[in-house]
């Protein structure tokens, strides 16, 4: 009986530590995207709202003048490809700036 009760506590403990360790490995990344098709003052708002819907995004700054979006995101939850796919699907194709 003692073995069953230890297993009840051991499994959640192991799973919990796996979750904590993967969260600790996550890192905040920043990427600048060149964004196409921003032709009016409302476009940056649409680009920002689109990028903010991507899981893991914590901050978005869009410049109409520079046609860029600077995005801070959790690399354990999102990839740059997720960000560019989101803008492209909304009609604003983007690529990482080099």
Protein backbone atom coordinates (compact mmCIF):
# COMPACT_ATOMS: atom_id res chain seq x y z
CA UNK A 1 0.00 0.00 0.00
CA UNK A 2 2.88 2.33 0.78
CA UNK A 3 4.21 1.96 -2.80
CA UNK A 4 0.91 3.13 -4.28
CA UNK A 5 0.81 6.18 -2.07
CA UNK A 6 4.42 7.09 -2.98
CA UNK A 7 3.58 6.73 -6.67
CA UNK A 8 0.67 9.17 -6.21
CA UNK A 9 3.10 11.83 -5.08
CA UNK A 10 6.11 10.92 -7.22
CA UNK A 11 4.43 11.17 -10.62
CA UNK A 12 2.99 14.68 -10.09
CA UNK A 13 6.31 15.79 -8.63
CA UNK A 14 8.25 14.58 -11.67
CA UNK A 15 5.75 16.10 -14.09
CA UNK A 16 5.77 19.39 -12.20
CA UNK A 17 9.54 19.61 -12.27
CA UNK A 18 9.53 18.93 -16.02
CA UNK A 19 7.14 21.81 -16.56
CA UNK A 20 9.19 24.13 -14.40
CA UNK A 21 12.42 23.22 -16.15
CA UNK A 22 10.95 23.76 -19.62
CA UNK A 23 9.54 27.12 -18.51
CA UNK A 24 12.94 28.07 -17.14
CA UNK A 25 14.47 27.28 -20.52
CA UNK A 26 12.08 29.63 -22.33
CA UNK A 27 13.58 32.92 -23.32
CA UNK A 28 12.24 36.30 -24.32
CA UNK A 29 13.38 37.11 -27.85
CA UNK A 30 13.06 40.27 -29.88
CA UNK A 31 12.73 40.34 -33.65
CA UNK A 32 12.32 43.21 -36.10
CA UNK A 33 10.08 42.44 -39.05
CA UNK A 34 9.92 44.31 -42.36
CA UNK A 35 6.19 44.61 -43.08
CA UNK A 36 4.73 45.12 -46.55
CA UNK A 37 1.39 46.62 -47.63
CA UNK A 38 1.12 49.26 -44.88
CA UNK A 39 -0.31 52.12 -46.93
CA UNK A 40 -2.39 54.05 -44.43
CA UNK A 41 -2.29 55.17 -40.82
CA UNK A 42 -4.71 52.37 -39.77
CA UNK A 43 -2.44 49.58 -41.07
CA UNK A 44 -0.04 49.56 -38.09
CA UNK A 45 -3.00 49.05 -35.76
CA UNK A 46 -4.12 46.01 -37.77
CA UNK A 47 -0.58 44.59 -37.86
CA UNK A 48 -0.18 45.07 -34.11
CA UNK A 49 -3.50 43.43 -33.26
CA UNK A 50 -2.73 40.52 -35.58
CA UNK A 51 0.69 39.87 -34.02
CA UNK A 52 -0.67 40.21 -30.47
CA UNK A 53 -2.96 37.23 -31.15
CA UNK A 54 0.06 34.92 -31.50
CA UNK A 55 0.59 32.96 -28.31
CA UNK A 56 3.71 34.03 -26.41
CA UNK A 57 3.86 37.60 -27.73
CA UNK A 58 4.37 40.11 -24.93
CA UNK A 59 5.03 43.39 -26.77
CA UNK A 60 4.56 44.75 -30.30
CA UNK A 61 5.67 48.13 -31.64
CA UNK A 62 4.76 48.95 -35.24
CA UNK A 63 6.17 51.86 -37.24
CA UNK A 64 4.19 53.08 -40.25
CA UNK A 65 7.07 55.34 -41.28
CA UNK A 66 9.69 52.56 -41.20
CA UNK A 67 7.29 49.78 -42.28
CA UNK A 68 8.52 47.62 -39.39
CA UNK A 69 7.21 45.72 -36.41
CA UNK A 70 9.39 44.98 -33.39
CA UNK A 71 8.09 41.99 -31.46
CA UNK A 72 9.07 40.61 -28.05
CA UNK A 73 7.98 37.00 -27.63
CA UNK A 74 8.54 33.83 -25.62
CA UNK A 75 10.50 31.46 -27.84
CA UNK A 76 9.01 28.44 -26.08
CA UNK A 77 5.53 29.47 -27.26
CA UNK A 78 6.15 31.12 -30.62
CA UNK A 79 8.59 31.14 -33.49
CA UNK A 80 9.44 33.93 -35.91
CA UNK A 81 7.63 31.91 -38.57
CA UNK A 82 4.43 32.10 -36.48
CA UNK A 83 4.72 35.89 -36.46
CA UNK A 84 5.35 36.21 -40.20
CA UNK A 85 2.54 33.74 -40.96
CA UNK A 86 0.13 35.82 -38.87
CA UNK A 87 0.92 39.10 -40.65
CA UNK A 88 0.91 37.46 -44.07
CA UNK A 89 -2.50 35.88 -43.40
CA UNK A 90 -3.83 39.33 -42.50
CA UNK A 91 -2.57 40.79 -45.79
CA UNK A 92 0.69 42.26 -44.50
CA UNK A 93 3.53 39.96 -45.61
CA UNK A 94 6.57 40.27 -43.36
CA UNK A 95 10.11 38.98 -43.13
CA UNK A 96 12.75 39.25 -40.42
CA UNK A 97 14.98 42.27 -40.95
CA UNK A 98 18.66 41.54 -41.19
